[in-house]
C-alpha atoms as a PDB file:
ATOM      1  CA  UNK A   1      -0.172   0.619   0.253  1.00  0.00           C
ATOM      2  CA  UNK A   2       3.015   3.068   1.145  1.00  0.00           C
ATOM      3  CA  UNK A   3       4.976   1.977  -2.448  1.00  0.00           C
ATOM      4  CA  UNK A   4       1.576   2.355  -4.203  1.00  0.00           C
ATOM      5  CA  UNK A   5       0.381   5.566  -2.517  1.00  0.00           C
ATOM      6  CA  UNK A   6       4.217   6.646  -3.061  1.00  0.00           C
ATOM      7  CA  UNK A   7       4.287   5.920  -6.645  1.00  0.00           C
ATOM      8  CA  UNK A   8       1.794   9.290  -8.154  1.00  0.00           C
ATOM      9  CA  UNK A   9       4.678  10.929  -5.567  1.00  0.00           C
ATOM     10  CA  UNK A  10       7.444  10.264  -7.027  1.00  0.00           C
ATOM     11  CA  UNK A  11       5.899  10.867 -10.835  1.00  0.00           C
ATOM     12  CA  UNK A  12       4.921  14.232  -9.714  1.00  0.00           C
ATOM     13  CA  UNK A  13       8.118  15.202  -8.717  1.00  0.00           C
ATOM     14  CA  UNK A  14       9.435  13.965 -11.757  1.00  0.00           C
ATOM     15  CA  UNK A  15       7.563  15.854 -13.560  1.00  0.00           C
ATOM     16  CA  UNK A  16       7.910  19.258 -11.826  1.00  0.00           C
ATOM     17  CA  UNK A  17      12.341  18.047 -12.273  1.00  0.00           C
ATOM     18  CA  UNK A  18      11.409  17.947 -16.089  1.00  0.00           C
ATOM     19  CA  UNK A  19       9.570  21.234 -16.374  1.00  0.00           C
ATOM     20  CA  UNK A  20      12.025  22.899 -14.115  1.00  0.00           C
ATOM     21  CA  UNK A  21      14.704  21.482 -16.010  1.00  0.00           C
ATOM     22  CA  UNK A  22      13.172  22.816 -19.660  1.00  0.00           C
ATOM     23  CA  UNK A  23      12.616  26.237 -17.464  1.00  0.00           C
ATOM     24  CA  UNK A  24      16.314  26.895 -16.775  1.00  0.00           C
ATOM     25  CA  UNK A  25      17.111  25.424 -19.901  1.00  0.00           C
ATOM     26  CA  UNK A  26      14.870  28.351 -22.028  1.00  0.00           C
ATOM     27  CA  UNK A  27      15.841  31.178 -19.929  1.00  0.00           C
ATOM     28  CA  UNK A  28      19.641  30.524 -20.229  1.00  0.00           C
ATOM     29  CA  UNK A  29      19.434  30.554 -24.128  1.00  0.00           C
ATOM     30  CA  UNK A  30      17.323  33.890 -24.459  1.00  0.00           C
ATOM     31  CA  UNK A  31      20.370  35.185 -21.916  1.00  0.00           C
ATOM     32  CA  UNK A  32      23.160  33.951 -24.372  1.00  0.00           C
ATOM     33  CA  UNK A  33      20.579  35.356 -27.232  1.00  0.00           C
ATOM     34  CA  UNK A  34      20.422  38.590 -25.827  1.00  0.00           C
ATOM     35  CA  UNK A  35      23.833  39.205 -24.962  1.00  0.00           C
ATOM     36  CA  UNK A  36      24.640  38.439 -28.560  1.00  0.00           C
ATOM     37  CA  UNK A  37      22.299  40.755 -29.935  1.00  0.00           C
ATOM     38  CA  UNK A  38      23.729  43.535 -27.415  1.00  0.00           C
ATOM     39  CA  UNK A  39      27.199  42.836 -28.764  1.00  0.00           C
ATOM     40  CA  UNK A  40      26.294  43.043 -32.236  1.00  0.00           C
ATOM     41  CA  UNK A  41      24.533  46.080 -31.433  1.00  0.00           C
ATOM     42  CA  UNK A  42      27.332  47.092 -29.187  1.00  0.00           C
ATOM     43  CA  UNK A  43      29.847  46.851 -31.773  1.00  0.00           C
ATOM     44  CA  UNK A  44      27.813  48.721 -34.114  1.00  0.00           C
ATOM     45  CA  UNK A  45      27.564  51.611 -32.395  1.00  0.00           C
ATOM     46  CA  UNK A  46      31.339  51.532 -30.431  1.00  0.00           C
ATOM     47  CA  UNK A  47      33.117  50.271 -33.637  1.00  0.00           C
ATOM     48  CA  UNK A  48      31.443  52.407 -36.369  1.00  0.00           C
ATOM     49  CA  UNK A  49      33.730  54.737 -38.389  1.00  0.00           C
ATOM     50  CA  UNK A  50      33.033  58.333 -38.254  1.00  0.00           C
ATOM     51  CA  UNK A  51      35.722  60.287 -40.415  1.00  0.00           C
ATOM     52  CA  UNK A  52      33.827  63.793 -39.944  1.00  0.00           C
ATOM     53  CA  UNK A  53      34.344  63.451 -36.354  1.00  0.00           C
ATOM     54  CA  UNK A  54      37.994  62.706 -36.873  1.00  0.00           C
ATOM     55  CA  UNK A  55      39.317  66.138 -35.849  1.00  0.00           C
ATOM     56  CA  UNK A  56      37.501  66.651 -33.323  1.00  0.00           C
ATOM     57  CA  UNK A  57      37.957  63.272 -31.263  1.00  0.00           C
ATOM     58  CA  UNK A  58      40.541  62.843 -28.997  1.00  0.00           C
ATOM     59  CA  UNK A  59      41.517  60.281 -26.505  1.00  0.00           C
ATOM     60  CA  UNK A  60      41.077  60.828 -23.049  1.00  0.00           C
ATOM     61  CA  UNK A  61      42.737  59.954 -20.086  1.00  0.00           C
ATOM     62  CA  UNK A  62      41.241  62.162 -17.144  1.00  0.00           C
ATOM     63  CA  UNK A  63      37.811  61.308 -15.441  1.00  0.00           C
ATOM     64  CA  UNK A  64      35.540  63.903 -16.066  1.00  0.00           C
ATOM     65  CA  UNK A  65      36.823  66.218 -18.933  1.00  0.00           C
ATOM     66  CA  UNK A  66      34.387  64.432 -21.134  1.00  0.00           C
ATOM     67  CA  UNK A  67      31.478  65.341 -18.769  1.00  0.00           C
ATOM     68  CA  UNK A  68      32.417  69.073 -17.464  1.00  0.00           C
ATOM     69  CA  UNK A  69      32.859  69.183 -21.505  1.00  0.00           C
ATOM     70  CA  UNK A  70      28.895  68.165 -21.889  1.00  0.00           C
ATOM     71  CA  UNK A  71      27.898  70.352 -19.082  1.00  0.00           C
ATOM     72  CA  UNK A  72      29.327  73.212 -20.777  1.00  0.00           C
ATOM     73  CA  UNK A  73      30.095  73.061 -24.210  1.00  0.00           C
ATOM     74  CA  UNK A  74      26.653  71.151 -25.456  1.00  0.00           C
ATOM     75  CA  UNK A  75      22.982  72.200 -24.524  1.00  0.00           C
ATOM     76  CA  UNK A  76      20.527  69.936 -21.798  1.00  0.00           C
ATOM     77  CA  UNK A  77      19.234  67.988 -24.523  1.00  0.00           C
ATOM     78  CA  UNK A  78      23.366  66.853 -26.198  1.00  0.00           C
ATOM     79  CA  UNK A  79      24.697  66.325 -22.613  1.00  0.00           C
ATOM     80  CA  UNK A  80      21.924  64.109 -21.721  1.00  0.00           C
ATOM     81  CA  UNK A  81      21.571  62.118 -25.273  1.00  0.00           C
ATOM     82  CA  UNK A  82      25.459  61.998 -24.612  1.00  0.00           C
ATOM     83  CA  UNK A  83      25.679  60.575 -20.505  1.00  0.00           C
ATOM     84  CA  UNK A  84      22.264  59.007 -20.729  1.00  0.00           C
ATOM     85  CA  UNK A  85      22.986  57.240 -24.101  1.00  0.00           C
ATOM     86  CA  UNK A  86      26.584  55.591 -22.495  1.00  0.00           C
ATOM     87  CA  UNK A  87      24.634  54.840 -19.202  1.00  0.00           C
ATOM     88  CA  UNK A  88      21.563  52.193 -21.334  1.00  0.00           C
ATOM     89  CA  UNK A  89      24.485  50.846 -23.127  1.00  0.00           C
ATOM     90  CA  UNK A  90      25.945  49.377 -20.412  1.00  0.00           C
ATOM     91  CA  UNK A  91      22.844  48.557 -18.655  1.00  0.00           C
ATOM     92  CA  UNK A  92      22.414  45.061 -20.600  1.00  0.00           C
ATOM     93  CA  UNK A  93      25.663  43.576 -18.027  1.00  0.00           C
ATOM     94  CA  UNK A  94      23.745  43.909 -15.079  1.00  0.00           C
ATOM     95  CA  UNK A  95      20.722  41.929 -16.281  1.00  0.00           C
ATOM     96  CA  UNK A  96      22.586  39.480 -18.373  1.00  0.00           C
ATOM     97  CA  UNK A  97      25.291  38.831 -17.461  1.00  0.00           C
ATOM     98  CA  UNK A  98      24.485  37.828 -13.652  1.00  0.00           C
ATOM     99  CA  UNK A  99      21.772  34.856 -15.031  1.00  0.00           C
ATOM    100  CA  UNK A 100      25.414  33.657 -17.033  1.00  0.00           C
ATOM    101  CA  UNK A 101      28.281  33.416 -14.406  1.00  0.00           C
ATOM    102  CA  UNK A 102      28.143  31.486 -11.430  1.00  0.00           C
ATOM    103  CA  UNK A 103      25.621  32.772  -8.063  1.00  0.00           C
ATOM    104  CA  UNK A 104      29.290  32.974  -5.410  1.00  0.00           C
ATOM    105  CA  UNK A 105      30.115  36.779  -5.857  1.00  0.00           C
ATOM    106  CA  UNK A 106      28.277  37.702  -8.681  1.00  0.00           C
ATOM    107  CA  UNK A 107      28.498  41.004  -8.391  1.00  0.00           C
ATOM    108  CA  UNK A 108      31.767  41.211  -8.664  1.00  0.00           C
ATOM    109  CA  UNK A 109      32.024  39.174 -11.177  1.00  0.00           C
ATOM    110  CA  UNK A 110      29.845  41.117 -13.197  1.00  0.00           C
ATOM    111  CA  UNK A 111      31.361  44.220 -12.309  1.00  0.00           C
ATOM    112  CA  UNK A 112      35.332  43.038 -13.987  1.00  0.00           C
ATOM    113  CA  UNK A 113      33.801  41.239 -16.602  1.00  0.00           C
ATOM    114  CA  UNK A 114      31.763  44.862 -18.216  1.00  0.00           C
ATOM    115  CA  UNK A 115      34.140  46.594 -17.263  1.00  0.00           C
ATOM    116  CA  UNK A 116      37.130  44.610 -19.169  1.00  0.00           C
ATOM    117  CA  UNK A 117      34.954  44.494 -21.973  1.00  0.00           C
ATOM    118  CA  UNK A 118      33.959  47.604 -22.352  1.00  0.00           C
ATOM    119  CA  UNK A 119      38.290  49.107 -21.258  1.00  0.00           C
ATOM    120  CA  UNK A 120      38.642  46.120 -24.489  1.00  0.00           C
ATOM    121  CA  UNK A 121      35.772  48.204 -26.707  1.00  0.00           C
ATOM    122  CA  UNK A 122      37.636  51.651 -25.771  1.00  0.00           C
ATOM    123  CA  UNK A 123      40.980  50.479 -27.004  1.00  0.00           C
ATOM    124  CA  UNK A 124      39.869  48.911 -29.999  1.00  0.00           C
ATOM    125  CA  UNK A 125      38.094  52.084 -31.146  1.00  0.00           C
ATOM    126  CA  UNK A 126      40.999  54.642 -30.219  1.00  0.00           C
ATOM    127  CA  UNK A 127      43.492  52.302 -31.837  1.00  0.00           C
ATOM    128  CA  UNK A 128      41.281  51.347 -35.134  1.00  0.00           C
ATOM    129  CA  UNK A 129      38.388  53.412 -36.097  1.00  0.00           C
ATOM    130  CA  UNK A 130      38.206  56.187 -37.595  1.00  0.00           C
ATOM    131  CA  UNK A 131      37.155  59.111 -35.205  1.00  0.00           C
ATOM    132  CA  UNK A 132      36.344  57.414 -32.454  1.00  0.00           C
ATOM    133  CA  UNK A 133      38.443  57.855 -29.031  1.00  0.00           C
ATOM    134  CA  UNK A 134      39.354  56.066 -26.379  1.00  0.00           C
ATOM    135  CA  UNK A 135      37.194  57.479 -23.240  1.00  0.00           C
ATOM    136  CA  UNK A 136      38.100  57.328 -19.611  1.00  0.00           C
ATOM    137  CA  UNK A 137      34.362  58.406 -18.318  1.00  0.00           C
ATOM    138  CA  UNK A 138      32.959  56.092 -21.176  1.00  0.00           C
ATOM    139  CA  UNK A 139      33.775  53.750 -19.383  1.00  0.00           C
ATOM    140  CA  UNK A 140      32.857  55.472 -15.739  1.00  0.00           C
ATOM    141  CA  UNK A 141      29.472  56.448 -17.169  1.00  0.00           C
ATOM    142  CA  UNK A 142      28.959  52.061 -18.761  1.00  0.00           C
ATOM    143  CA  UNK A 143      29.783  50.503 -15.966  1.00  0.00           C
ATOM    144  CA  UNK A 144      27.429  52.615 -13.565  1.00  0.00           C
ATOM    145  CA  UNK A 145      24.572  51.581 -15.497  1.00  0.00           C
ATOM    146  CA  UNK A 146      25.998  48.025 -15.898  1.00  0.00           C
ATOM    147  CA  UNK A 147      25.187  49.045 -11.726  1.00  0.00           C
ATOM    148  CA  UNK A 148      22.222  50.239 -11.710  1.00  0.00           C
ATOM    149  CA  UNK A 149      20.340  47.809 -13.664  1.00  0.00           C
ATOM    150  CA  UNK A 150      21.851  44.888 -11.444  1.00  0.00           C
ATOM    151  CA  UNK A 151      21.146  46.701  -8.145  1.00  0.00           C
ATOM    152  CA  UNK A 152      17.448  46.841  -9.771  1.00  0.00           C
ATOM    153  CA  UNK A 153      16.151  44.514 -12.060  1.00  0.00           C
ATOM    154  CA  UNK A 154      19.554  42.177 -12.600  1.00  0.00           C
ATOM    155  CA  UNK A 155      19.538  40.718  -8.803  1.00  0.00           C
ATOM    156  CA  UNK A 156      16.389  40.105  -8.584  1.00  0.00           C
ATOM    157  CA  UNK A 157      16.045  38.361 -11.850  1.00  0.00           C
ATOM    158  CA  UNK A 158      19.503  36.203 -11.194  1.00  0.00           C
ATOM    159  CA  UNK A 159      18.539  35.259  -7.598  1.00  0.00           C
ATOM    160  CA  UNK A 160      15.164  33.177  -8.882  1.00  0.00           C
ATOM    161  CA  UNK A 161      17.556  31.619 -11.842  1.00  0.00           C
ATOM    162  CA  UNK A 162      20.064  30.552  -9.077  1.00  0.00           C
ATOM    163  CA  UNK A 163      17.218  29.559  -7.133  1.00  0.00           C
ATOM    164  CA  UNK A 164      15.041  27.657 -10.088  1.00  0.00           C
ATOM    165  CA  UNK A 165      18.807  26.019 -10.905  1.00  0.00           C
ATOM    166  CA  UNK A 166      18.989  24.523  -7.583  1.00  0.00           C
ATOM    167  CA  UNK A 167      16.039  21.994  -8.160  1.00  0.00           C
ATOM    168  CA  UNK A 168      16.448  20.927  -4.296  1.00  0.00           C
ATOM    169  CA  UNK A 169      14.712  17.123  -4.152  1.00  0.00           C
ATOM    170  CA  UNK A 170      12.234  16.157  -1.532  1.00  0.00           C
ATOM    171  CA  UNK A 171      12.663  14.732   1.706  1.00  0.00           C
ATOM    172  CA  UNK A 172      11.708  11.700   1.875  1.00  0.00           C
ATOM    173  CA  UNK A 173       8.778  11.341   3.861  1.00  0.00           C
ATOM    174  CA  UNK A 174       9.795   9.797   7.464  1.00  0.00           C
ATOM    175  CA  UNK A 175       7.330   7.851   9.060  1.00  0.00           C
ATOM    176  CA  UNK A 176       4.857   9.038  12.189  1.00  0.00           C
ATOM    177  CA  UNK A 177       5.937   8.471  15.137  1.00  0.00           C
ATOM    178  CA  UNK A 178       2.548   6.620  17.162  1.00  0.00           C
ATOM    179  CA  UNK A 179       1.407   8.837  20.305  1.00  0.00           C
ATOM    180  CA  UNK A 180       1.988   7.919  23.682  1.00  0.00           C
ATOM    181  CA  UNK A 181      -0.840   7.550  26.106  1.00  0.00           C
ATOM    182  CA  UNK A 182      -0.472   8.971  29.114  1.00  0.00           C
ATOM    183  CA  UNK A 183      -1.381   5.702  30.837  1.00  0.00           C
ATOM    184  CA  UNK A 184       1.316   3.492  28.832  1.00  0.00           C
ATOM    185  CA  UNK A 185       3.736   6.527  29.855  1.00  0.00           C
ATOM    186  CA  UNK A 186       3.401   6.221  33.518  1.00  0.00           C
ATOM    187  CA  UNK A 187       2.054   3.078  35.485  1.00  0.00           C
ATOM    188  CA  UNK A 188       0.774   3.874  38.171  1.00  0.00           C
ATOM    189  CA  UNK A 189       1.465   2.028  41.633  1.00  0.00           C
ATOM    190  CA  UNK A 190      -0.192  -0.462  43.939  1.00  0.00           C
ATOM    191  CA  UNK A 191      -1.906   0.964  46.238  1.00  0.00           C
ATOM    192  CA  UNK A 192      -0.745  -0.963  49.586  1.00  0.00           C
ATOM    193  CA  UNK A 193      -3.846  -2.657  51.666  1.00  0.00           C
ATOM    194  CA  UNK A 194      -4.062  -0.558  55.650  1.00  0.00           C
ATOM    195  CA  UNK A 195      -3.969  -3.392  58.192  1.00  0.00           C
ATOM    196  CA  UNK A 196      -6.406  -3.184  61.061  1.00  0.00           C
ATOM    197  CA  UNK A 197      -4.446  -1.728  64.435  1.00  0.00           C
ATOM    198  CA  UNK A 198      -3.641  -4.209  66.990  1.00  0.00           C
ATOM    199  CA  UNK A 199      -3.384  -7.120  64.367  1.00  0.00           C
ATOM    200  CA  UNK A 200       0.342  -7.810  63.426  1.00  0.00           C
ATOM    201  CA  UNK A 201       1.241  -8.391  60.170  1.00  0.00           C
ATOM    202  CA  UNK A 202       3.464 -11.533  59.136  1.00  0.00           C
ATOM    203  CA  UNK A 203       6.671 -10.772  57.542  1.00  0.00           C
ATOM    204  CA  UNK A 204       7.335 -11.790  54.256  1.00  0.00           C
ATOM    205  CA  UNK A 205       9.912 -15.308  53.634  1.00  0.00           C
ATOM    206  CA  UNK A 206      13.169 -13.706  52.499  1.00  0.00           C
ATOM    207  CA  UNK A 207      14.190 -15.301  49.152  1.00  0.00           C
ATOM    208  CA  UNK A 208      17.231 -17.901  49.639  1.00  0.00           C
ATOM    209  CA  UNK A 209      20.635 -16.847  48.761  1.00  0.00           C
ATOM    210  CA  UNK A 210      21.480 -18.822  45.447  1.00  0.00           C
ATOM    211  CA  UNK A 211      24.871 -20.645  46.054  1.00  0.00           C
ATOM    212  CA  UNK A 212      27.422 -18.918  43.699  1.00  0.00           C
ATOM    213  CA  UNK A 213      27.973 -21.467  40.708  1.00  0.00           C
ATOM    214  CA  UNK A 214      31.648 -23.170  40.736  1.00  0.00           C
ATOM    215  CA  UNK A 215      33.254 -23.537  37.719  1.00  0.00           C
ATOM    216  CA  UNK A 216      36.315 -25.458  36.302  1.00  0.00           C
ATOM    217  CA  UNK A 217      39.114 -25.943  39.258  1.00  0.00           C
ATOM    218  CA  UNK A 218      37.079 -25.047  41.938  1.00  0.00           C
ATOM    219  CA  UNK A 219      34.176 -27.074  41.395  1.00  0.00           C
ATOM    220  CA  UNK A 220      36.278 -30.046  40.551  1.00  0.00           C
ATOM    221  CA  UNK A 221      37.424 -29.749  43.838  1.00  0.00           C
ATOM    222  CA  UNK A 222      34.745 -29.076  45.180  1.00  0.00           C
ATOM    223  CA  UNK A 223      32.775 -32.209  44.410  1.00  0.00           C
ATOM    224  CA  UNK A 224      36.757 -33.925  45.292  1.00  0.00           C
ATOM    225  CA  UNK A 225      36.283 -33.231  48.898  1.00  0.00           C
ATOM    226  CA  UNK A 226      32.788 -34.258  48.709  1.00  0.00           C
ATOM    227  CA  UNK A 227      32.981 -37.622  47.317  1.00  0.00           C
ATOM    228  CA  UNK A 228      35.447 -38.129  50.249  1.00  0.00           C
ATOM    229  CA  UNK A 229      33.209 -37.204  52.377  1.00  0.00           C
ATOM    230  CA  UNK A 230      30.636 -38.920  51.938  1.00  0.00           C
ATOM    231  CA  UNK A 231      33.126 -42.234  51.673  1.00  0.00           C
ATOM    232  CA  UNK A 232      33.785 -41.881  55.228  1.00  0.00           C
ATOM    233  CA  UNK A 233      31.039 -41.355  56.575  1.00  0.00           C
ATOM    234  CA  UNK A 234      29.548 -44.439  54.484  1.00  0.00           C
ATOM    235  CA  UNK A 235      33.256 -46.782  55.626  1.00  0.00           C
ATOM    236  CA  UNK A 236      32.584 -45.584  59.723  1.00  0.00           C
ATOM    237  CA  UNK A 237      28.314 -46.743  59.163  1.00  0.00           C
ATOM    238  CA  UNK A 238      30.536 -50.259  57.617  1.00  0.00           C
ATOM    239  CA  UNK A 239      32.575 -50.333  60.685  1.00  0.00           C
ATOM    240  CA  UNK A 240      29.679 -49.748  63.955  1.00  0.00           C
ATOM    241  CA  UNK A 241      27.400 -52.902  61.721  1.00  0.00           C
END
């Protein structure tokens, strides 16, 4: 009966396990495809040559110089477009990377991978692409966008995915312990009968102490001594007769 009752539970557990596995694989594939698509967009945005701005663009190795230029030389909408575009460009790192990387130290790993990719893109811009230059402020803005996206979206999304990926197995059902009754746990002592005044109570006879058994050499010596005493007694009786 127990085995027959446990079969439906095992079937439902297996179905849930397969469903979780398919969901994990689909989420992982979607995240990977989205990361590839984002990489293509990033390459088109950052690695496209711009010959018209070749004389205007210069490399920037001082943090904050480009930001000050946005605030002083650009209009408000143009400055928001430049700074906001760099922030938005780094947000997919904070959403997709925490899903693809292991759960342990995911924020630190996401941060290091984002910085490495952005620095590599900026180096390629400054070395190969015409009209592009290395800008440390772009690295700062892209990394800040990745951190903001991770704190608001990527942390919760990756936490749910990794909790689903762990897939804890249900613990086997343990047999329930039978509760003890008060009568079984505590046995009441038998009440003592009161004797009437003036009557003597006969003491209970004490049980005779059992003689200790003797084994080995002591038992053989004792038997010899007893047989010898019995023989002497028999000889004495025969002489008296």
